[in-house]
Amino acid sequence: MSVVLEIRRRGRQIAGPIFGLLLFSYFVLHAIQGDRGLLAWLQIRQQIVLAQSKQAGAAGERADWEHRIALMRSEHLDADLLDERARLLTGLGREDELVVYVAPSGAAR
């Protein structure tokens, strides 16, 4: 009987610290793996970096297209660009012309 009483007495003394440790562990776990935890924050940072690199690429492509469109405006029409586009769209050329095909950069040879 004295063993059971001793376990109960010590159990009451240790119950508070064990409960506190479990509560602390719960909050630490959610601070690391929760929806707004450390791992989620790192994943969001990676997504932001990826989105920024895509945005930079799209901005460069947009600037290129805006430059090409500006060259085709009637205020300052580039005859070479107009001729290039007309030949590309129609597929026609003159008899005395020589056509040289150039592979796009990055294409396999």
PDB file of N, CA and C in Angstrom:
ATOM      1  N   MET A   1       0.795  -1.179   0.000  1.00  0.00           N
ATOM      2  CA  MET A   1       0.000   0.000   0.000  1.00  0.00           C
ATOM      3  C   MET A   1       0.850   1.260   0.000  1.00  0.00           C
ATOM      4  N   SER A   2       1.959   1.205   0.668  1.00  0.00           N
ATOM      5  CA  SER A   2       2.784   2.391   0.748  1.00  0.00           C
ATOM      6  C   SER A   2       3.390   2.750  -0.617  1.00  0.00           C
ATOM      7  N   VAL A   3       3.572   1.752  -1.464  1.00  0.00           N
ATOM      8  CA  VAL A   3       4.110   2.034  -2.807  1.00  0.00           C
ATOM      9  C   VAL A   3       3.088   2.817  -3.618  1.00  0.00           C
ATOM     10  N   VAL A   4       1.836   2.448  -3.532  1.00  0.00           N
ATOM     11  CA  VAL A   4       0.775   3.137  -4.264  1.00  0.00           C
ATOM     12  C   VAL A   4       0.649   4.573  -3.769  1.00  0.00           C
ATOM     13  N   LEU A   5       0.716   4.791  -2.493  1.00  0.00           N
ATOM     14  CA  LEU A   5       0.634   6.150  -1.959  1.00  0.00           C
ATOM     15  C   LEU A   5       1.833   6.989  -2.387  1.00  0.00           C
ATOM     16  N   GLU A   6       2.988   6.380  -2.437  1.00  0.00           N
ATOM     17  CA  GLU A   6       4.202   7.091  -2.870  1.00  0.00           C
ATOM     18  C   GLU A   6       4.099   7.497  -4.349  1.00  0.00           C
ATOM     19  N   ILE A   7       3.578   6.595  -5.157  1.00  0.00           N
ATOM     20  CA  ILE A   7       3.408   6.914  -6.595  1.00  0.00           C
ATOM     21  C   ILE A   7       2.411   8.055  -6.763  1.00  0.00           C
ATOM     22  N   ARG A   8       1.318   8.045  -6.025  1.00  0.00           N
ATOM     23  CA  ARG A   8       0.329   9.120  -6.108  1.00  0.00           C
ATOM     24  C   ARG A   8       0.922  10.455  -5.671  1.00  0.00           C
ATOM     25  N   ARG A   9       1.668  10.453  -4.606  1.00  0.00           N
ATOM     26  CA  ARG A   9       2.259  11.695  -4.102  1.00  0.00           C
ATOM     27  C   ARG A   9       3.250  12.259  -5.107  1.00  0.00           C
ATOM     28  N   ARG A  10       4.119  11.414  -5.623  1.00  0.00           N
ATOM     29  CA  ARG A  10       5.104  11.895  -6.611  1.00  0.00           C
ATOM     30  C   ARG A  10       4.428  12.232  -7.945  1.00  0.00           C
ATOM     31  N   GLY A  11       3.380  11.517  -8.263  1.00  0.00           N
ATOM     32  CA  GLY A  11       2.640  11.802  -9.492  1.00  0.00           C
ATOM     33  C   GLY A  11       2.046  13.198  -9.479  1.00  0.00           C
ATOM     34  N   ARG A  12       1.539  13.617  -8.323  1.00  0.00           N
ATOM     35  CA  ARG A  12       0.989  14.971  -8.206  1.00  0.00           C
ATOM     36  C   ARG A  12       2.082  16.026  -8.341  1.00  0.00           C
ATOM     37  N   GLN A  13       3.253  15.720  -7.837  1.00  0.00           N
ATOM     38  CA  GLN A  13       4.367  16.671  -7.920  1.00  0.00           C
ATOM     39  C   GLN A  13       4.883  16.816  -9.351  1.00  0.00           C
ATOM     40  N   ILE A  14       4.842  15.739 -10.112  1.00  0.00           N
ATOM     41  CA  ILE A  14       5.420  15.759 -11.452  1.00  0.00           C
ATOM     42  C   ILE A  14       4.383  16.074 -12.535  1.00  0.00           C
ATOM     43  N   ALA A  15       3.098  16.028 -12.212  1.00  0.00           N
ATOM     44  CA  ALA A  15       2.044  16.260 -13.209  1.00  0.00           C
ATOM     45  C   ALA A  15       2.130  17.671 -13.801  1.00  0.00           C
ATOM     46  N   GLY A  16       2.365  18.683 -12.989  1.00  0.00           N
ATOM     47  CA  GLY A  16       2.452  20.069 -13.483  1.00  0.00           C
ATOM     48  C   GLY A  16       3.588  20.266 -14.468  1.00  0.00           C
ATOM     49  N   PRO A  17       4.820  19.861 -14.131  1.00  0.00           N
ATOM     50  CA  PRO A  17       5.909  20.029 -15.092  1.00  0.00           C
ATOM     51  C   PRO A  17       5.707  19.226 -16.379  1.00  0.00           C
ATOM     52  N   ILE A  18       5.136  18.029 -16.275  1.00  0.00           N
ATOM     53  CA  ILE A  18       4.889  17.233 -17.485  1.00  0.00           C
ATOM     54  C   ILE A  18       3.863  17.924 -18.365  1.00  0.00           C
ATOM     55  N   PHE A  19       2.778  18.441 -17.753  1.00  0.00           N
ATOM     56  CA  PHE A  19       1.775  19.166 -18.522  1.00  0.00           C
ATOM     57  C   PHE A  19       2.385  20.407 -19.179  1.00  0.00           C
ATOM     58  N   GLY A  20       3.223  21.131 -18.454  1.00  0.00           N
ATOM     59  CA  GLY A  20       3.889  22.310 -19.012  1.00  0.00           C
ATOM     60  C   GLY A  20       4.810  21.947 -20.162  1.00  0.00           C
ATOM     61  N   LEU A  21       5.541  20.852 -20.030  1.00  0.00           N
ATOM     62  CA  LEU A  21       6.435  20.400 -21.098  1.00  0.00           C
ATOM     63  C   LEU A  21       5.646  20.002 -22.332  1.00  0.00           C
ATOM     64  N   LEU A  22       4.525  19.316 -22.159  1.00  0.00           N
ATOM     65  CA  LEU A  22       3.678  18.936 -23.296  1.00  0.00           C
ATOM     66  C   LEU A  22       3.088  20.162 -23.990  1.00  0.00           C
ATOM     67  N   LEU A  23       2.653  21.125 -23.210  1.00  0.00           N
ATOM     68  CA  LEU A  23       2.104  22.353 -23.773  1.00  0.00           C
ATOM     69  C   LEU A  23       3.171  23.121 -24.554  1.00  0.00           C
ATOM     70  N   PHE A  24       4.366  23.219 -23.970  1.00  0.00           N
ATOM     71  CA  PHE A  24       5.480  23.894 -24.650  1.00  0.00           C
ATOM     72  C   PHE A  24       5.824  23.166 -25.958  1.00  0.00           C
ATOM     73  N   SER A  25       5.871  21.836 -25.917  1.00  0.00           N
ATOM     74  CA  SER A  25       6.183  21.041 -27.115  1.00  0.00           C
ATOM     75  C   SER A  25       5.138  21.255 -28.207  1.00  0.00           C
ATOM     76  N   TYR A  26       3.887  21.368 -27.812  1.00  0.00           N
ATOM     77  CA  TYR A  26       2.805  21.605 -28.757  1.00  0.00           C
ATOM     78  C   TYR A  26       3.028  22.921 -29.512  1.00  0.00           C
ATOM     79  N   PHE A  27       3.342  23.979 -28.783  1.00  0.00           N
ATOM     80  CA  PHE A  27       3.548  25.274 -29.422  1.00  0.00           C
ATOM     81  C   PHE A  27       4.814  25.289 -30.276  1.00  0.00           C
ATOM     82  N   VAL A  28       5.863  24.629 -29.835  1.00  0.00           N
ATOM     83  CA  VAL A  28       7.099  24.572 -30.631  1.00  0.00           C
ATOM     84  C   VAL A  28       6.852  23.811 -31.933  1.00  0.00           C
ATOM     85  N   LEU A  29       6.130  22.706 -31.854  1.00  0.00           N
ATOM     86  CA  LEU A  29       5.821  21.918 -33.051  1.00  0.00           C
ATOM     87  C   LEU A  29       5.059  22.760 -34.066  1.00  0.00           C
ATOM     88  N   HIS A  30       4.050  23.497 -33.610  1.00  0.00           N
ATOM     89  CA  HIS A  30       3.276  24.320 -34.536  1.00  0.00           C
ATOM     90  C   HIS A  30       4.056  25.542 -35.017  1.00  0.00           C
ATOM     91  N   ALA A  31       4.997  26.011 -34.239  1.00  0.00           N
ATOM     92  CA  ALA A  31       5.832  27.125 -34.687  1.00  0.00           C
ATOM     93  C   ALA A  31       6.764  26.685 -35.810  1.00  0.00           C
ATOM     94  N   ILE A  32       7.087  25.411 -35.860  1.00  0.00           N
ATOM     95  CA  ILE A  32       7.979  24.905 -36.906  1.00  0.00           C
ATOM     96  C   ILE A  32       7.186  24.373 -38.091  1.00  0.00           C
ATOM     97  N   GLN A  33       6.179  23.547 -37.848  1.00  0.00           N
ATOM     98  CA  GLN A  33       5.497  22.860 -38.937  1.00  0.00           C
ATOM     99  C   GLN A  33       4.076  23.336 -39.194  1.00  0.00           C
ATOM    100  N   GLY A  34       3.604  24.318 -38.529  1.00  0.00           N
ATOM    101  CA  GLY A  34       2.227  24.774 -38.695  1.00  0.00           C
ATOM    102  C   GLY A  34       2.020  25.507 -40.016  1.00  0.00           C
ATOM    103  N   ASP A  35       0.780  25.935 -40.234  1.00  0.00           N
ATOM    104  CA  ASP A  35       0.439  26.661 -41.465  1.00  0.00           C
ATOM    105  C   ASP A  35       1.236  27.953 -41.617  1.00  0.00           C
ATOM    106  N   ARG A  36       1.579  28.559 -40.508  1.00  0.00           N
ATOM    107  CA  ARG A  36       2.366  29.791 -40.531  1.00  0.00           C
ATOM    108  C   ARG A  36       3.696  29.597 -39.820  1.00  0.00           C
ATOM    109  N   GLY A  37       4.181  28.373 -39.835  1.00  0.00           N
ATOM    110  CA  GLY A  37       5.414  28.040 -39.142  1.00  0.00           C
ATOM    111  C   GLY A  37       6.653  28.327 -39.968  1.00  0.00           C
ATOM    112  N   LEU A  38       7.768  27.912 -39.430  1.00  0.00           N
ATOM    113  CA  LEU A  38       9.065  28.175 -40.056  1.00  0.00           C
ATOM    114  C   LEU A  38       9.197  27.485 -41.410  1.00  0.00           C
ATOM    115  N   LEU A  39       8.786  26.236 -41.507  1.00  0.00           N
ATOM    116  CA  LEU A  39       8.891  25.519 -42.782  1.00  0.00           C
ATOM    117  C   LEU A  39       7.977  26.120 -43.845  1.00  0.00           C
ATOM    118  N   ALA A  40       6.787  26.539 -43.452  1.00  0.00           N
ATOM    119  CA  ALA A  40       5.878  27.194 -44.397  1.00  0.00           C
ATOM    120  C   ALA A  40       6.458  28.522 -44.856  1.00  0.00           C
ATOM    121  N   TRP A  41       7.088  29.239 -43.956  1.00  0.00           N
ATOM    122  CA  TRP A  41       7.708  30.519 -44.323  1.00  0.00           C
ATOM    123  C   TRP A  41       8.827  30.311 -45.337  1.00  0.00           C
ATOM    124  N   LEU A  42       9.660  29.279 -45.129  1.00  0.00           N
ATOM    125  CA  LEU A  42      10.734  28.990 -46.082  1.00  0.00           C
ATOM    126  C   LEU A  42      10.182  28.605 -47.445  1.00  0.00           C
ATOM    127  N   GLN A  43       9.116  27.833 -47.472  1.00  0.00           N
ATOM    128  CA  GLN A  43       8.509  27.436 -48.735  1.00  0.00           C
ATOM    129  C   GLN A  43       7.929  28.654 -49.462  1.00  0.00           C
ATOM    130  N   ILE A  44       7.318  29.545 -48.736  1.00  0.00           N
ATOM    131  CA  ILE A  44       6.763  30.753 -49.355  1.00  0.00           C
ATOM    132  C   ILE A  44       7.885  31.635 -49.897  1.00  0.00           C
ATOM    133  N   ARG A  45       8.999  31.734 -49.187  1.00  0.00           N
ATOM    134  CA  ARG A  45      10.140  32.515 -49.678  1.00  0.00           C
ATOM    135  C   ARG A  45      10.659  31.945 -50.998  1.00  0.00           C
ATOM    136  N   GLN A  46      10.721  30.604 -51.115  1.00  0.00           N
ATOM    137  CA  GLN A  46      11.156  29.976 -52.363  1.00  0.00           C
ATOM    138  C   GLN A  46      10.170  30.284 -53.489  1.00  0.00           C
ATOM    139  N   GLN A  47       8.895  30.260 -53.196  1.00  0.00           N
ATOM    140  CA  GLN A  47       7.895  30.577 -54.209  1.00  0.00           C
ATOM    141  C   GLN A  47       8.004  32.033 -54.653  1.00  0.00           C
ATOM    142  N   ILE A  48       8.327  32.918 -53.724  1.00  0.00           N
ATOM    143  CA  ILE A  48       8.490  34.335 -54.065  1.00  0.00           C
ATOM    144  C   ILE A  48       9.683  34.518 -54.993  1.00  0.00           C
ATOM    145  N   VAL A  49      10.791  33.852 -54.686  1.00  0.00           N
ATOM    146  CA  VAL A  49      11.989  33.965 -55.533  1.00  0.00           C
ATOM    147  C   VAL A  49      11.689  33.440 -56.930  1.00  0.00           C
ATOM    148  N   LEU A  50      10.998  32.316 -57.036  1.00  0.00           N
ATOM    149  CA  LEU A  50      10.644  31.747 -58.331  1.00  0.00           C
ATOM    150  C   LEU A  50       9.729  32.693 -59.102  1.00  0.00           C
ATOM    151  N   ALA A  51       8.740  33.265 -58.432  1.00  0.00           N
ATOM    152  CA  ALA A  51       7.819  34.195 -59.086  1.00  0.00           C
ATOM    153  C   ALA A  51       8.541  35.459 -59.544  1.00  0.00           C
ATOM    154  N   GLN A  52       9.496  35.943 -58.746  1.00  0.00           N
ATOM    155  CA  GLN A  52      10.246  37.135 -59.149  1.00  0.00           C
ATOM    156  C   GLN A  52      11.112  36.865 -60.367  1.00  0.00           C
ATOM    157  N   SER A  53      11.707  35.674 -60.451  1.00  0.00           N
ATOM    158  CA  SER A  53      12.522  35.358 -61.628  1.00  0.00           C
ATOM    159  C   SER A  53      11.641  35.230 -62.866  1.00  0.00           C
ATOM    160  N   LYS A  54      10.456  34.638 -62.726  1.00  0.00           N
ATOM    161  CA  LYS A  54       9.528  34.556 -63.858  1.00  0.00           C
ATOM    162  C   LYS A  54       9.074  35.950 -64.281  1.00  0.00           C
ATOM    163  N   GLN A  55       8.835  36.795 -63.287  1.00  0.00           N
ATOM    164  CA  GLN A  55       8.389  38.159 -63.592  1.00  0.00           C
ATOM    165  C   GLN A  55       9.474  38.935 -64.316  1.00  0.00           C
ATOM    166  N   ALA A  56      10.731  38.741 -63.922  1.00  0.00           N
ATOM    167  CA  ALA A  56      11.829  39.435 -64.595  1.00  0.00           C
ATOM    168  C   ALA A  56      11.961  38.967 -66.038  1.00  0.00           C
ATOM    169  N   GLY A  57      11.804  37.671 -66.263  1.00  0.00           N
ATOM    170  CA  GLY A  57      11.852  37.147 -67.632  1.00  0.00           C
ATOM    171  C   GLY A  57      10.716  37.691 -68.485  1.00  0.00           C
ATOM    172  N   ALA A  58       9.520  37.754 -67.899  1.00  0.00           N
ATOM    173  CA  ALA A  58       8.365  38.276 -68.631  1.00  0.00           C
ATOM    174  C   ALA A  58       8.530  39.766 -68.917  1.00  0.00           C
ATOM    175  N   ALA A  59       9.139  40.503 -67.992  1.00  0.00           N
ATOM    176  CA  ALA A  59       9.352  41.937 -68.211  1.00  0.00           C
ATOM    177  C   ALA A  59      10.347  42.160 -69.350  1.00  0.00           C
ATOM    178  N   GLY A  60      11.376  41.333 -69.433  1.00  0.00           N
ATOM    179  CA  GLY A  60      12.334  41.443 -70.533  1.00  0.00           C
ATOM    180  C   GLY A  60      11.689  41.115 -71.861  1.00  0.00           C
ATOM    181  N   GLU A  61      10.871  40.079 -71.884  1.00  0.00           N
ATOM    182  CA  GLU A  61      10.171  39.709 -73.121  1.00  0.00           C
ATOM    183  C   GLU A  61       9.194  40.807 -73.530  1.00  0.00           C
ATOM    184  N   ARG A  62       8.519  41.383 -72.537  1.00  0.00           N
ATOM    185  CA  ARG A  62       7.584  42.469 -72.844  1.00  0.00           C
ATOM    186  C   ARG A  62       8.309  43.681 -73.419  1.00  0.00           C
ATOM    187  N   ALA A  63       9.468  44.015 -72.851  1.00  0.00           N
ATOM    188  CA  ALA A  63      10.246  45.156 -73.367  1.00  0.00           C
ATOM    189  C   ALA A  63      10.680  44.898 -74.800  1.00  0.00           C
ATOM    190  N   ASP A  64      11.065  43.665 -75.106  1.00  0.00           N
ATOM    191  CA  ASP A  64      11.455  43.312 -76.469  1.00  0.00           C
ATOM    192  C   ASP A  64      10.276  43.483 -77.428  1.00  0.00           C
ATOM    193  N   TRP A  65       9.111  42.997 -77.016  1.00  0.00           N
ATOM    194  CA  TRP A  65       7.939  43.140 -77.877  1.00  0.00           C
ATOM    195  C   TRP A  65       7.533  44.606 -78.036  1.00  0.00           C
ATOM    196  N   GLU A  66       7.615  45.378 -76.963  1.00  0.00           N
ATOM    197  CA  GLU A  66       7.270  46.802 -77.072  1.00  0.00           C
ATOM    198  C   GLU A  66       8.217  47.520 -78.032  1.00  0.00           C
ATOM    199  N   HIS A  67       9.493  47.150 -78.004  1.00  0.00           N
ATOM    200  CA  HIS A  67      10.456  47.754 -78.922  1.00  0.00           C
ATOM    201  C   HIS A  67      10.126  47.386 -80.370  1.00  0.00           C
ATOM    202  N   ARG A  68       9.810  46.122 -80.607  1.00  0.00           N
ATOM    203  CA  ARG A  68       9.473  45.698 -81.970  1.00  0.00           C
ATOM    204  C   ARG A  68       8.195  46.368 -82.461  1.00  0.00           C
ATOM    205  N   ILE A  69       7.209  46.511 -81.585  1.00  0.00           N
ATOM    206  CA  ILE A  69       5.955  47.162 -81.964  1.00  0.00           C
ATOM    207  C   ILE A  69       6.190  48.641 -82.239  1.00  0.00           C
ATOM    208  N   ALA A  70       7.046  49.266 -81.437  1.00  0.00           N
ATOM    209  CA  ALA A  70       7.349  50.686 -81.651  1.00  0.00           C
ATOM    210  C   ALA A  70       8.012  50.902 -83.011  1.00  0.00           C
ATOM    211  N   LEU A  71       8.815  49.949 -83.456  1.00  0.00           N
ATOM    212  CA  LEU A  71       9.456  50.072 -84.766  1.00  0.00           C
ATOM    213  C   LEU A  71       8.455  49.957 -85.904  1.00  0.00           C
ATOM    214  N   MET A  72       7.306  49.362 -85.672  1.00  0.00           N
ATOM    215  CA  MET A  72       6.317  49.182 -86.735  1.00  0.00           C
ATOM    216  C   MET A  72       5.253  50.279 -86.745  1.00  0.00           C
ATOM    217  N   ARG A  73       5.333  51.244 -85.851  1.00  0.00           N
ATOM    218  CA  ARG A  73       4.373  52.342 -85.842  1.00  0.00           C
ATOM    219  C   ARG A  73       4.619  53.254 -87.042  1.00  0.00           C
ATOM    220  N   SER A  74       3.579  53.933 -87.450  1.00  0.00           N
ATOM    221  CA  SER A  74       3.670  54.733 -88.667  1.00  0.00           C
ATOM    222  C   SER A  74       4.551  55.976 -88.491  1.00  0.00           C
ATOM    223  N   GLU A  75       4.759  56.456 -87.251  1.00  0.00           N
ATOM    224  CA  GLU A  75       5.583  57.648 -87.052  1.00  0.00           C
ATOM    225  C   GLU A  75       7.033  57.402 -87.471  1.00  0.00           C
ATOM    226  N   HIS A  76       7.562  56.255 -87.149  1.00  0.00           N
ATOM    227  CA  HIS A  76       8.934  55.922 -87.526  1.00  0.00           C
ATOM    228  C   HIS A  76       8.976  54.442 -87.900  1.00  0.00           C
ATOM    229  N   LEU A  77       8.502  54.183 -89.102  1.00  0.00           N
ATOM    230  CA  LEU A  77       8.392  52.821 -89.607  1.00  0.00           C
ATOM    231  C   LEU A  77       9.762  52.336 -90.075  1.00  0.00           C
ATOM    232  N   ASP A  78      10.177  51.189 -89.577  1.00  0.00           N
ATOM    233  CA  ASP A  78      11.446  50.583 -89.985  1.00  0.00           C
ATOM    234  C   ASP A  78      11.177  49.705 -91.206  1.00  0.00           C
ATOM    235  N   ALA A  79      11.701  50.099 -92.339  1.00  0.00           N
ATOM    236  CA  ALA A  79      11.429  49.388 -93.589  1.00  0.00           C
ATOM    237  C   ALA A  79      11.975  47.958 -93.559  1.00  0.00           C
ATOM    238  N   ASP A  80      13.122  47.753 -92.950  1.00  0.00           N
ATOM    239  CA  ASP A  80      13.689  46.407 -92.887  1.00  0.00           C
ATOM    240  C   ASP A  80      12.806  45.462 -92.066  1.00  0.00           C
ATOM    241  N   LEU A  81      12.314  45.943 -90.944  1.00  0.00           N
ATOM    242  CA  LEU A  81      11.462  45.111 -90.108  1.00  0.00           C
ATOM    243  C   LEU A  81      10.137  44.831 -90.808  1.00  0.00           C
ATOM    244  N   LEU A  82       9.589  45.827 -91.487  1.00  0.00           N
ATOM    245  CA  LEU A  82       8.349  45.643 -92.231  1.00  0.00           C
ATOM    246  C   LEU A  82       8.545  44.634 -93.356  1.00  0.00           C
ATOM    247  N   ASP A  83       9.653  44.732 -94.056  1.00  0.00           N
ATOM    248  CA  ASP A  83       9.946  43.793 -95.139  1.00  0.00           C
ATOM    249  C   ASP A  83      10.125  42.374 -94.595  1.00  0.00           C
ATOM    250  N   GLU A  84      10.826  42.264 -93.469  1.00  0.00           N
ATOM    251  CA  GLU A  84      11.042  40.947 -92.846  1.00  0.00           C
ATOM    252  C   GLU A  84       9.720  40.308 -92.452  1.00  0.00           C
ATOM    253  N   ARG A  85       8.846  41.059 -91.830  1.00  0.00           N
ATOM    254  CA  ARG A  85       7.556  40.517 -91.401  1.00  0.00           C
ATOM    255  C   ARG A  85       6.680  40.161 -92.596  1.00  0.00           C
ATOM    256  N   ALA A  86       6.680  40.987 -93.623  1.00  0.00           N
ATOM    257  CA  ALA A  86       5.867  40.705 -94.809  1.00  0.00           C
ATOM    258  C   ALA A  86       6.333  39.422 -95.487  1.00  0.00           C
ATOM    259  N   ARG A  87       7.641  39.232 -95.609  1.00  0.00           N
ATOM    260  CA  ARG A  87       8.157  38.016 -96.238  1.00  0.00           C
ATOM    261  C   ARG A  87       7.886  36.786 -95.370  1.00  0.00           C
ATOM    262  N   LEU A  88       7.976  36.955 -94.060  1.00  0.00           N
ATOM    263  CA  LEU A  88       7.722  35.836 -93.166  1.00  0.00           C
ATOM    264  C   LEU A  88       6.261  35.400 -93.220  1.00  0.00           C
ATOM    265  N   LEU A  89       5.354  36.363 -93.247  1.00  0.00           N
ATOM    266  CA  LEU A  89       3.930  36.036 -93.251  1.00  0.00           C
ATOM    267  C   LEU A  89       3.456  35.516 -94.602  1.00  0.00           C
ATOM    268  N   THR A  90       3.968  36.065 -95.671  1.00  0.00           N
ATOM    269  CA  THR A  90       3.514  35.626 -96.995  1.00  0.00           C
ATOM    270  C   THR A  90       4.301  34.436 -97.514  1.00  0.00           C
ATOM    271  N   GLY A  91       5.527  34.266 -97.062  1.00  0.00           N
ATOM    272  CA  GLY A  91       6.352  33.159 -97.546  1.00  0.00           C
ATOM    273  C   GLY A  91       6.894  33.414 -98.947  1.00  0.00           C
ATOM    274  N   LEU A  92       6.874  34.646 -99.376  1.00  0.00           N
ATOM    275  CA  LEU A  92       7.332  34.992-100.727  1.00  0.00           C
ATOM    276  C   LEU A  92       8.661  35.726-100.692  1.00  0.00           C
ATOM    277  N   GLY A  93       9.382  35.674-101.780  1.00  0.00           N
ATOM    278  CA  GLY A  93      10.634  36.405-101.927  1.00  0.00           C
ATOM    279  C   GLY A  93      10.850  36.696-103.396  1.00  0.00           C
ATOM    280  N   ARG A  94      11.873  37.456-103.700  1.00  0.00           N
ATOM    281  CA  ARG A  94      12.171  37.759-105.101  1.00  0.00           C
ATOM    282  C   ARG A  94      13.017  36.641-105.692  1.00  0.00           C
ATOM    283  N   GLU A  95      13.073  36.580-107.029  1.00  0.00           N
ATOM    284  CA  GLU A  95      13.800  35.516-107.722  1.00  0.00           C
ATOM    285  C   GLU A  95      15.309  35.619-107.514  1.00  0.00           C
ATOM    286  N   ASP A  96      15.821  36.851-107.403  1.00  0.00           N
ATOM    287  CA  ASP A  96      17.266  37.029-107.307  1.00  0.00           C
ATOM    288  C   ASP A  96      17.787  36.986-105.863  1.00  0.00           C
ATOM    289  N   GLU A  97      16.933  36.612-104.913  1.00  0.00           N
ATOM    290  CA  GLU A  97      17.356  36.574-103.514  1.00  0.00           C
ATOM    291  C   GLU A  97      17.869  35.193-103.133  1.00  0.00           C
ATOM    292  N   LEU A  98      18.800  35.193-102.206  1.00  0.00           N
ATOM    293  CA  LEU A  98      19.337  33.962-101.638  1.00  0.00           C
ATOM    294  C   LEU A  98      18.875  33.887-100.188  1.00  0.00           C
ATOM    295  N   VAL A  99      18.264  32.771 -99.820  1.00  0.00           N
ATOM    296  CA  VAL A  99      17.716  32.610 -98.466  1.00  0.00           C
ATOM    297  C   VAL A  99      18.680  31.756 -97.661  1.00  0.00           C
ATOM    298  N   VAL A 100      19.077  32.271 -96.499  1.00  0.00           N
ATOM    299  CA  VAL A 100      19.965  31.543 -95.595  1.00  0.00           C
ATOM    300  C   VAL A 100      19.182  31.286 -94.312  1.00  0.00           C
ATOM    301  N   TYR A 101      19.024  30.016 -93.968  1.00  0.00           N
ATOM    302  CA  TYR A 101      18.307  29.643 -92.753  1.00  0.00           C
ATOM    303  C   TYR A 101      19.301  29.523 -91.607  1.00  0.00           C
ATOM    304  N   VAL A 102      18.986  30.176 -90.504  1.00  0.00           N
ATOM    305  CA  VAL A 102      19.850  30.153 -89.326  1.00  0.00           C
ATOM    306  C   VAL A 102      19.051  29.498 -88.199  1.00  0.00           C
ATOM    307  N   ALA A 103      19.674  28.497 -87.551  1.00  0.00           N
ATOM    308  CA  ALA A 103      19.000  27.829 -86.436  1.00  0.00           C
ATOM    309  C   ALA A 103      18.918  28.787 -85.255  1.00  0.00           C
ATOM    310  N   PRO A 104      17.794  28.748 -84.520  1.00  0.00           N
ATOM    311  CA  PRO A 104      17.688  29.609 -83.338  1.00  0.00           C
ATOM    312  C   PRO A 104      18.745  29.248 -82.307  1.00  0.00           C
ATOM    313  N   SER A 105      19.140  30.222 -81.517  1.00  0.00           N
ATOM    314  CA  SER A 105      20.161  29.943 -80.497  1.00  0.00           C
ATOM    315  C   SER A 105      19.622  28.955 -79.484  1.00  0.00           C
ATOM    316  N   GLY A 106      20.459  28.008 -79.099  1.00  0.00           N
ATOM    317  CA  GLY A 106      20.066  26.987 -78.153  1.00  0.00           C
ATOM    318  C   GLY A 106      19.496  25.742 -78.805  1.00  0.00           C
ATOM    319  N   ALA A 107      19.340  25.732 -80.135  1.00  0.00           N
ATOM    320  CA  ALA A 107      18.808  24.554 -80.823  1.00  0.00           C
ATOM    321  C   ALA A 107      19.907  23.521 -81.011  1.00  0.00           C
ATOM    322  N   ALA A 108      19.513  22.260 -81.026  1.00  0.00           N
ATOM    323  CA  ALA A 108      20.483  21.169 -81.224  1.00  0.00           C
ATOM    324  C   ALA A 108      20.992  21.173 -82.650  1.00  0.00           C
ATOM    325  N   ARG A 109      22.252  20.815 -82.802  1.00  0.00           N
ATOM    326  CA  ARG A 109      22.827  20.793 -84.156  1.00  0.00           C
ATOM    327  C   ARG A 109      22.893  19.407 -84.679  1.00  0.00           C
TER     328      ARG A 109
END
